[in-house]
C-alpha atoms as a PDB file:
ATOM      1  CA  MET A   1      -0.026   0.076  -0.163  1.00  0.00           C
ATOM      2  CA  LYS A   2       2.170   2.956  -1.215  1.00  0.00           C
ATOM      3  CA  ARG A   3      -0.381   5.436  -2.710  1.00  0.00           C
ATOM      4  CA  VAL A   4      -3.917   5.486  -0.946  1.00  0.00           C
ATOM      5  CA  LEU A   5      -6.784   7.585  -1.633  1.00  0.00           C
ATOM      6  CA  LEU A   6      -9.562   8.073   0.811  1.00  0.00           C
ATOM      7  CA  LEU A   7     -13.144   8.837  -0.808  1.00  0.00           C
ATOM      8  CA  GLY A   8     -15.123  10.853   1.789  1.00  0.00           C
ATOM      9  CA  THR A   9     -14.379  13.643   4.717  1.00  0.00           C
ATOM     10  CA  GLY A  10     -16.343  12.135   7.418  1.00  0.00           C
ATOM     11  CA  PRO A  11     -15.258  10.861  10.861  1.00  0.00           C
ATOM     12  CA  ALA A  12     -14.542   7.373   9.223  1.00  0.00           C
ATOM     13  CA  ALA A  13     -12.221   8.795   6.597  1.00  0.00           C
ATOM     14  CA  LEU A  14     -10.385  10.927   9.134  1.00  0.00           C
ATOM     15  CA  GLN A  15      -9.661   8.038  11.510  1.00  0.00           C
ATOM     16  CA  LEU A  16      -8.853   6.050   8.473  1.00  0.00           C
ATOM     17  CA  ALA A  17      -6.181   8.684   7.657  1.00  0.00           C
ATOM     18  CA  VAL A  18      -4.573   8.549  11.108  1.00  0.00           C
ATOM     19  CA  ILE A  19      -4.430   4.810  11.356  1.00  0.00           C
ATOM     20  CA  LEU A  20      -2.966   4.633   7.556  1.00  0.00           C
ATOM     21  CA  LYS A  21      -0.324   7.304   8.459  1.00  0.00           C
ATOM     22  CA  LYS A  22       0.893   5.956  11.722  1.00  0.00           C
ATOM     23  CA  GLY A  23       0.726   2.098  10.522  1.00  0.00           C
ATOM     24  CA  PHE A  24       1.691   2.336   7.044  1.00  0.00           C
ATOM     25  CA  HIS A  25       3.329   5.711   6.402  1.00  0.00           C
ATOM     26  CA  CYS A  26       1.749   5.631   2.782  1.00  0.00           C
ATOM     27  CA  HIS A  27       1.139   8.555   0.538  1.00  0.00           C
ATOM     28  CA  LEU A  28      -2.297   9.651   1.384  1.00  0.00           C
ATOM     29  CA  GLY A  29      -4.945  11.633  -0.384  1.00  0.00           C
ATOM     30  CA  ILE A  30      -8.422  12.547   0.285  1.00  0.00           C
ATOM     31  CA  ALA A  31     -11.334  13.485  -1.752  1.00  0.00           C
ATOM     32  CA  GLY A  32     -14.655  14.962  -0.917  1.00  0.00           C
ATOM     33  CA  ARG A  33     -17.870  16.173  -2.601  1.00  0.00           C
ATOM     34  CA  ALA A  34     -17.491  20.035  -3.696  1.00  0.00           C
ATOM     35  CA  SER A  35     -20.250  20.999  -1.612  1.00  0.00           C
ATOM     36  CA  VAL A  36     -21.671  23.580   0.742  1.00  0.00           C
ATOM     37  CA  ARG A  37     -21.606  21.150   3.508  1.00  0.00           C
ATOM     38  CA  SER A  38     -17.886  20.302   2.652  1.00  0.00           C
ATOM     39  CA  ALA A  39     -16.624  23.759   2.172  1.00  0.00           C
ATOM     40  CA  ASP A  40     -15.626  24.213   5.922  1.00  0.00           C
ATOM     41  CA  PHE A  41     -13.919  20.984   5.833  1.00  0.00           C
ATOM     42  CA  PHE A  42     -11.712  21.906   2.839  1.00  0.00           C
ATOM     43  CA  GLU A  43     -11.054  25.358   4.431  1.00  0.00           C
ATOM     44  CA  SER A  44     -10.003  23.945   7.594  1.00  0.00           C
ATOM     45  CA  LEU A  45      -7.768  21.663   5.871  1.00  0.00           C
ATOM     46  CA  ALA A  46      -6.031  24.509   4.057  1.00  0.00           C
ATOM     47  CA  ALA A  47      -5.682  26.633   7.048  1.00  0.00           C
ATOM     48  CA  SER A  48      -3.931  23.708   8.810  1.00  0.00           C
ATOM     49  CA  ASP A  49      -1.529  22.924   6.127  1.00  0.00           C
ATOM     50  CA  GLN A  50      -3.727  19.784   5.291  1.00  0.00           C
ATOM     51  CA  ARG A  51      -3.169  18.365   8.891  1.00  0.00           C
ATOM     52  CA  VAL A  52      -5.990  16.309  10.534  1.00  0.00           C
ATOM     53  CA  ARG A  53      -6.397  15.314  14.217  1.00  0.00           C
ATOM     54  CA  VAL A  54      -8.223  12.533  15.648  1.00  0.00           C
ATOM     55  CA  SER A  55      -9.178  12.279  19.544  1.00  0.00           C
ATOM     56  CA  ILE A  56     -10.603   9.173  21.341  1.00  0.00           C
ATOM     57  CA  GLN A  57     -13.286   8.988  24.096  1.00  0.00           C
ATOM     58  CA  ASN A  58     -11.838   6.101  25.801  1.00  0.00           C
ATOM     59  CA  VAL A  59      -8.402   5.758  26.976  1.00  0.00           C
ATOM     60  CA  LYS A  60      -8.435   1.873  26.120  1.00  0.00           C
ATOM     61  CA  HIS A  61      -8.430   3.223  22.371  1.00  0.00           C
ATOM     62  CA  LEU A  62      -5.658   5.499  22.900  1.00  0.00           C
ATOM     63  CA  ALA A  63      -3.603   3.794  20.010  1.00  0.00           C
ATOM     64  CA  MET A  64      -6.333   5.134  17.585  1.00  0.00           C
ATOM     65  CA  GLU A  65      -5.783   8.765  18.585  1.00  0.00           C
ATOM     66  CA  GLY A  66      -3.378  10.809  16.644  1.00  0.00           C
ATOM     67  CA  GLU A  67      -2.519  13.570  13.974  1.00  0.00           C
ATOM     68  CA  CYS A  68      -1.353  13.352  10.311  1.00  0.00           C
ATOM     69  CA  ARG A  69      -0.832  15.466   7.179  1.00  0.00           C
ATOM     70  CA  LEU A  70      -2.631  14.402   4.165  1.00  0.00           C
ATOM     71  CA  ASP A  71      -0.315  14.663   1.066  1.00  0.00           C
ATOM     72  CA  GLU A  72      -3.103  15.534  -1.429  1.00  0.00           C
ATOM     73  CA  VAL A  73      -6.353  16.886  -1.195  1.00  0.00           C
ATOM     74  CA  TYR A  74      -9.297  16.793  -4.044  1.00  0.00           C
ATOM     75  CA  ARG A  75     -12.394  19.190  -3.683  1.00  0.00           C
ATOM     76  CA  GLY A  76     -14.537  17.095  -5.728  1.00  0.00           C
ATOM     77  CA  PHE A  77     -14.210  13.473  -7.031  1.00  0.00           C
ATOM     78  CA  GLU A  78     -14.083  14.384 -10.550  1.00  0.00           C
ATOM     79  CA  ALA A  79     -10.890  16.366  -9.877  1.00  0.00           C
ATOM     80  CA  ILE A  80      -9.008  13.119  -8.429  1.00  0.00           C
ATOM     81  CA  GLU A  81      -5.964  12.314 -10.922  1.00  0.00           C
ATOM     82  CA  GLY A  82      -2.799  10.427 -10.721  1.00  0.00           C
ATOM     83  CA  GLN A  83      -1.995   6.835 -10.125  1.00  0.00           C
ATOM     84  CA  TRP A  84      -3.540   5.089  -6.618  1.00  0.00           C
ATOM     85  CA  ASP A  85      -2.959   1.766  -5.812  1.00  0.00           C
ATOM     86  CA  THR A  86      -5.861   1.733  -3.376  1.00  0.00           C
ATOM     87  CA  LEU A  87      -9.149   3.714  -3.222  1.00  0.00           C
ATOM     88  CA  ILE A  88     -10.804   3.578  -0.010  1.00  0.00           C
ATOM     89  CA  LEU A  89     -14.732   4.418  -0.069  1.00  0.00           C
ATOM     90  CA  ALA A  90     -15.363   5.838   3.234  1.00  0.00           C
ATOM     91  CA  VAL A  91     -18.884   7.367   2.506  1.00  0.00           C
ATOM     92  CA  THR A  92     -22.312   5.992   2.975  1.00  0.00           C
ATOM     93  CA  THR A  93     -23.257   3.140   0.950  1.00  0.00           C
ATOM     94  CA  ASP A  94     -26.148   4.649  -0.698  1.00  0.00           C
ATOM     95  CA  ALA A  95     -23.342   6.902  -2.277  1.00  0.00           C
ATOM     96  CA  TYR A  96     -20.861   4.319  -3.491  1.00  0.00           C
ATOM     97  CA  MET A  97     -21.899   4.412  -7.237  1.00  0.00           C
ATOM     98  CA  GLU A  98     -22.586   8.404  -7.185  1.00  0.00           C
ATOM     99  CA  VAL A  99     -18.977   8.761  -6.074  1.00  0.00           C
ATOM    100  CA  MET A 100     -17.378   5.890  -8.421  1.00  0.00           C
ATOM    101  CA  ARG A 101     -19.173   7.267 -11.475  1.00  0.00           C
ATOM    102  CA  GLN A 102     -17.708  10.877 -10.731  1.00  0.00           C
ATOM    103  CA  ILE A 103     -14.005   9.407 -10.869  1.00  0.00           C
ATOM    104  CA  ASP A 104     -12.144   9.645 -14.089  1.00  0.00           C
ATOM    105  CA  GLN A 105     -11.998   6.144 -15.968  1.00  0.00           C
ATOM    106  CA  ASP A 106      -8.098   6.432 -16.391  1.00  0.00           C
ATOM    107  CA  VAL A 107      -7.773   6.954 -12.558  1.00  0.00           C
ATOM    108  CA  LEU A 108     -10.017   3.675 -12.019  1.00  0.00           C
ATOM    109  CA  ARG A 109      -8.120   1.784 -14.699  1.00  0.00           C
ATOM    110  CA  LYS A 110      -5.006   2.158 -12.703  1.00  0.00           C
ATOM    111  CA  ILE A 111      -6.111   0.738  -9.141  1.00  0.00           C
ATOM    112  CA  ASN A 112      -5.062  -2.369  -7.611  1.00  0.00           C
ATOM    113  CA  SER A 113      -7.870  -2.540  -4.951  1.00  0.00           C
ATOM    114  CA  LEU A 114     -10.717  -0.840  -3.701  1.00  0.00           C
ATOM    115  CA  VAL A 115     -12.140  -1.083  -0.114  1.00  0.00           C
ATOM    116  CA  LEU A 116     -15.414  -0.543   1.253  1.00  0.00           C
ATOM    117  CA  ILE A 117     -15.950   0.781   4.708  1.00  0.00           C
ATOM    118  CA  SER A 118     -19.109  -0.345   6.351  1.00  0.00           C
ATOM    119  CA  PRO A 119     -20.649  -1.836   3.037  1.00  0.00           C
ATOM    120  CA  THR A 120     -24.325  -3.308   3.035  1.00  0.00           C
ATOM    121  CA  PHE A 121     -25.259  -6.595   1.560  1.00  0.00           C
ATOM    122  CA  GLY A 122     -24.513  -6.718  -2.037  1.00  0.00           C
ATOM    123  CA  SER A 123     -22.328  -3.529  -2.033  1.00  0.00           C
ATOM    124  CA  ASN A 124     -19.268  -5.651  -3.093  1.00  0.00           C
ATOM    125  CA  SER A 125     -20.691  -7.358  -5.841  1.00  0.00           C
ATOM    126  CA  LEU A 126     -22.364  -3.886  -7.185  1.00  0.00           C
ATOM    127  CA  ILE A 127     -18.830  -2.041  -6.969  1.00  0.00           C
ATOM    128  CA  ALA A 128     -17.263  -5.242  -8.441  1.00  0.00           C
ATOM    129  CA  GLY A 129     -19.543  -5.015 -11.405  1.00  0.00           C
ATOM    130  CA  PHE A 130     -18.989  -1.676 -11.966  1.00  0.00           C
ATOM    131  CA  ILE A 131     -14.979  -1.530 -11.570  1.00  0.00           C
ATOM    132  CA  ARG A 132     -14.512  -4.209 -13.939  1.00  0.00           C
ATOM    133  CA  GLN A 133     -15.587  -2.263 -16.875  1.00  0.00           C
ATOM    134  CA  PHE A 134     -12.488  -0.378 -16.435  1.00  0.00           C
ATOM    135  CA  ASN A 135     -10.292  -2.594 -14.637  1.00  0.00           C
ATOM    136  CA  PRO A 136     -11.001  -6.442 -14.285  1.00  0.00           C
ATOM    137  CA  ALA A 137      -7.781  -6.966 -12.286  1.00  0.00           C
ATOM    138  CA  ALA A 138      -8.955  -4.969  -9.452  1.00  0.00           C
ATOM    139  CA  GLU A 139      -9.791  -6.294  -6.246  1.00  0.00           C
ATOM    140  CA  VAL A 140     -12.478  -5.190  -4.074  1.00  0.00           C
ATOM    141  CA  ILE A 141     -12.205  -5.716  -0.519  1.00  0.00           C
ATOM    142  CA  SER A 142     -15.112  -5.289   2.236  1.00  0.00           C
ATOM    143  CA  PHE A 143     -14.478  -4.207   5.625  1.00  0.00           C
ATOM    144  CA  SER A 144     -16.221  -4.730   8.971  1.00  0.00           C
ATOM    145  CA  THR A 145     -19.436  -2.847   9.286  1.00  0.00           C
ATOM    146  CA  TYR A 146     -18.033  -1.006  12.191  1.00  0.00           C
ATOM    147  CA  ILE A 147     -14.293   0.120  11.979  1.00  0.00           C
ATOM    148  CA  GLY A 148     -14.397   0.694  15.779  1.00  0.00           C
ATOM    149  CA  ASP A 149     -14.677  -3.141  16.092  1.00  0.00           C
ATOM    150  CA  THR A 150     -11.476  -3.982  14.265  1.00  0.00           C
ATOM    151  CA  ARG A 151      -9.081  -5.714  16.232  1.00  0.00           C
ATOM    152  CA  TRP A 152      -5.299  -5.434  15.830  1.00  0.00           C
ATOM    153  CA  VAL A 153      -3.077  -8.147  15.965  1.00  0.00           C
ATOM    154  CA  ASP A 154       0.779  -7.968  17.637  1.00  0.00           C
END
């Protein structure tokens, strides 16, 4: 996992950003909708030199807390460019297809894997069918329905 792009700007995406930077030290980007609601998010990122901070509520989860700097930021999914090894869909499942359709087909042709965060029943099949049109070799991986329940192995 060298170049990872998070799709979504909510709490799950930011938690994943910290986890990925701390654990894998990858080149990390984030993309979100260009909307009135997301304007504050993108403005805050710009003001903080693309840094995000995640806090925890329970000291048992201290390892999940942290801060990282995002390497690339895309305001609008259609703005995504370059080559990404992994795309992580950290949006609500009802937005999966809407988001995927906005991403340039050349970007989709170059990915190795696509990770679904909190998918619903059938989401993997739906996304796999879509990505196969552009990239038959891309692997679609479904994560736990609740990222906070993920266990780490020593």
